[in-house]
Amino acid sequence: MQNTEFIVTSERLGFRLPRDSDLDDLVRLDTDPEVRTQFPDGVLTPRQVRQRISKNTACYSANGFGDFAVIEIETGNFVGRAGFGLLDDDEVEVGYVFLKEYWARGLAQESLRTLLAWAETALNVPRILAYAPEQHTASINVMQKCGMRYLKTDIARDVMCTFYEYPLKL
């Protein structure tokens, strides 16, 4: 399946801007308590998901980056979201979250590697940050496997988190 709407692709995944037709999938993703277990703010309401789409579109327009809908190329199925966001201190973070039925398939590592490689040429920032609650070893392992280096342990959103960084070549 070829789709020219993808901003970047990996072997199995296409990354494109979310659109209104993704709303049901994004609501299913972000209202699932098991999916959102590592997010300090917990599940989102459908209204919050819509607001997130609008905020993401504005971030992409202003900065050239944001969250992407992640689509399985072979099937065209929505599998999750992954991308970049601005932290309060204007640092850029990368993150990902997938529907439960796509867990344990290596998609997090494939997504993170793809996004970091894309950032090398698409973003004009000195580094990309990623963080996860200290007990979320699966995400921490993904960051390490993708070449991110330990930065610090600190509180984010009222939770003790482990931070990693990925320096970009400017």
Protein backbone atom coordinates (compact mmCIF):
# COMPACT_ATOMS: atom_id res chain seq x y z
CA MET A 1 0.00 0.00 0.00
CA GLN A 2 1.58 3.26 -1.08
CA ASN A 3 0.51 6.43 0.65
CA THR A 4 2.02 9.77 -0.28
CA GLU A 5 0.48 11.39 2.81
CA PHE A 6 3.18 9.91 5.03
CA ILE A 7 5.76 12.38 6.25
CA VAL A 8 8.15 9.56 7.05
CA THR A 9 8.01 5.77 6.85
CA SER A 10 9.81 2.80 8.34
CA GLU A 11 9.74 -0.78 7.16
CA ARG A 12 6.26 -1.42 8.56
CA LEU A 13 4.91 1.97 9.57
CA GLY A 14 3.83 5.25 8.04
CA PHE A 15 3.71 8.47 10.03
CA ARG A 16 1.30 11.23 9.03
CA LEU A 17 -0.48 14.13 10.67
CA PRO A 18 -3.63 13.08 12.51
CA ARG A 19 -6.85 14.05 10.83
CA ASP A 20 -10.50 14.17 11.84
CA SER A 21 -11.07 10.65 10.52
CA ASP A 22 -8.57 9.40 13.14
CA LEU A 23 -10.69 10.72 16.01
CA ASP A 24 -12.37 7.40 16.89
CA ASP A 25 -9.02 5.57 16.87
CA LEU A 26 -7.34 8.26 18.94
CA VAL A 27 -10.22 8.23 21.43
CA ARG A 28 -9.94 4.43 21.69
CA LEU A 29 -6.21 4.80 22.32
CA ASP A 30 -6.30 7.63 24.84
CA THR A 31 -9.34 6.50 26.83
CA ASP A 32 -7.95 3.01 27.49
CA PRO A 33 -6.78 2.85 31.13
CA GLU A 34 -4.28 0.06 30.38
CA VAL A 35 -2.72 1.99 27.51
CA ARG A 36 -2.53 5.15 29.62
CA THR A 37 -1.26 3.46 32.80
CA GLN A 38 2.18 5.13 32.58
CA PHE A 39 0.76 8.59 31.86
CA PRO A 40 0.47 10.67 35.04
CA ASP A 41 -2.65 12.42 33.78
CA GLY A 42 -4.38 9.08 33.15
CA VAL A 43 -7.02 8.60 30.50
CA LEU A 44 -8.24 11.45 28.37
CA THR A 45 -11.82 12.36 27.58
CA PRO A 46 -12.97 12.47 23.94
CA ARG A 47 -13.03 16.27 24.27
CA GLN A 48 -9.40 16.29 25.44
CA VAL A 49 -8.45 14.07 22.49
CA ARG A 50 -10.05 16.56 20.07
CA GLN A 51 -8.20 19.42 21.80
CA ARG A 52 -4.96 17.45 21.50
CA ILE A 53 -5.47 17.09 17.73
CA SER A 54 -6.01 20.87 17.39
CA LYS A 55 -3.00 21.66 19.60
CA ASN A 56 -0.89 19.22 17.57
CA THR A 57 -1.90 20.80 14.26
CA ALA A 58 -0.92 24.23 15.62
CA CYS A 59 2.40 22.90 16.92
CA TYR A 60 3.20 21.33 13.55
CA SER A 61 2.33 24.56 11.71
CA ALA A 62 4.44 26.68 14.06
CA ASN A 63 7.40 24.37 14.61
CA GLY A 64 7.49 21.74 11.86
CA PHE A 65 6.93 18.86 14.26
CA GLY A 66 4.19 17.26 16.29
CA ASP A 67 2.48 13.97 16.96
CA PHE A 68 1.86 11.66 14.03
CA ALA A 69 -0.81 9.06 13.51
CA VAL A 70 1.05 5.78 13.10
CA ILE A 71 -0.36 3.57 10.36
CA GLU A 72 0.59 -0.02 9.56
CA ILE A 73 1.61 0.24 5.91
CA GLU A 74 0.59 -3.29 4.92
CA THR A 75 -2.98 -3.03 6.24
CA GLY A 76 -3.63 0.71 6.49
CA ASN A 77 -4.66 0.18 10.12
CA PHE A 78 -4.18 2.86 12.76
CA VAL A 79 -1.79 1.43 15.39
CA GLY A 80 -1.08 4.44 17.59
CA ARG A 81 0.58 7.80 17.71
CA ALA A 82 4.17 8.88 17.96
CA GLY A 83 6.02 12.10 17.50
CA PHE A 84 7.35 15.24 19.07
CA GLY A 85 6.13 17.87 21.48
CA LEU A 86 7.38 21.00 23.20
CA LEU A 87 8.16 20.79 26.88
CA ASP A 88 7.67 23.79 29.18
CA ASP A 89 11.33 24.79 28.82
CA ASP A 90 11.12 24.73 24.98
CA GLU A 91 13.00 21.44 24.79
CA VAL A 92 11.63 18.94 22.25
CA GLU A 93 10.50 15.56 23.48
CA VAL A 94 9.74 12.40 21.53
CA GLY A 95 7.18 9.81 22.56
CA TYR A 96 4.91 7.05 21.36
CA VAL A 97 1.86 5.09 22.44
CA PHE A 98 0.16 2.15 20.71
CA LEU A 99 -3.12 0.29 20.87
CA LYS A 100 -2.80 -2.82 23.08
CA GLU A 101 -3.20 -5.23 20.19
CA TYR A 102 0.04 -3.87 18.70
CA TRP A 103 2.16 -4.22 21.85
CA ALA A 104 5.19 -6.55 21.90
CA ARG A 105 5.79 -6.32 18.14
CA GLY A 106 8.83 -4.03 18.21
CA LEU A 107 6.83 -1.02 17.01
CA ALA A 108 8.06 1.29 19.78
CA GLN A 109 11.69 0.72 18.86
CA GLU A 110 10.96 0.96 15.13
CA SER A 111 9.03 4.19 15.68
CA LEU A 112 11.63 5.80 17.90
CA ARG A 113 14.50 4.93 15.54
CA THR A 114 12.53 6.31 12.59
CA LEU A 115 11.58 9.54 14.36
CA LEU A 116 15.10 10.19 15.63
CA ALA A 117 16.52 9.66 12.12
CA TRP A 118 13.86 12.01 10.69
CA ALA A 119 14.70 14.62 13.35
CA GLU A 120 18.36 14.59 12.24
CA THR A 121 17.41 16.39 9.02
CA ALA A 122 13.97 17.85 9.75
CA LEU A 123 14.43 19.60 13.08
CA ASN A 124 16.71 22.47 13.95
CA VAL A 125 17.20 21.75 17.66
CA PRO A 126 20.30 20.63 19.54
CA ARG A 127 18.75 17.51 21.04
CA ILE A 128 15.65 15.43 21.52
CA LEU A 129 14.54 14.35 24.99
CA ALA A 130 12.51 11.34 26.05
CA TYR A 131 11.40 10.32 29.50
CA ALA A 132 9.39 7.67 31.27
CA PRO A 133 8.42 6.91 34.85
CA GLU A 134 11.29 5.11 36.58
CA GLN A 135 9.36 1.84 36.80
CA HIS A 136 8.49 1.81 33.09
CA THR A 137 11.48 -0.31 32.13
CA ALA A 138 10.08 -1.25 28.71
CA SER A 139 10.19 2.36 27.52
CA ILE A 140 13.56 2.97 29.13
CA ASN A 141 14.95 -0.09 27.33
CA VAL A 142 13.61 1.23 24.01
CA MET A 143 15.33 4.58 24.56
CA GLN A 144 18.62 2.84 25.32
CA LYS A 145 18.36 0.49 22.32
CA CYS A 146 17.75 3.47 20.04
CA GLY A 147 20.98 5.18 21.05
CA MET A 148 19.60 7.71 23.49
CA ARG A 149 21.85 8.41 26.46
CA TYR A 150 20.92 8.80 30.08
CA LEU A 151 20.53 12.43 31.11
CA LYS A 152 19.00 12.53 34.59
CA THR A 153 16.35 11.35 36.97
CA ASP A 154 13.88 14.07 37.87
CA ILE A 155 10.24 14.79 38.53
CA ALA A 156 7.97 15.33 35.51
CA ARG A 157 4.23 15.77 35.91
CA ASP A 158 4.56 14.90 39.59
CA VAL A 159 6.21 11.53 38.87
CA MET A 160 9.86 10.52 39.26
CA CYS A 161 11.08 9.89 35.71
CA THR A 162 14.22 8.83 33.92
CA PHE A 163 15.27 11.23 31.15
CA TYR A 164 17.29 10.38 28.05
CA GLU A 165 18.65 12.63 25.34
CA TYR A 166 19.58 12.24 21.70
CA PRO A 167 21.96 14.95 20.44
CA LEU A 168 21.28 16.14 16.89
CA LYS A 169 23.92 17.26 14.45
CA LEU A 170 23.18 20.89 13.65
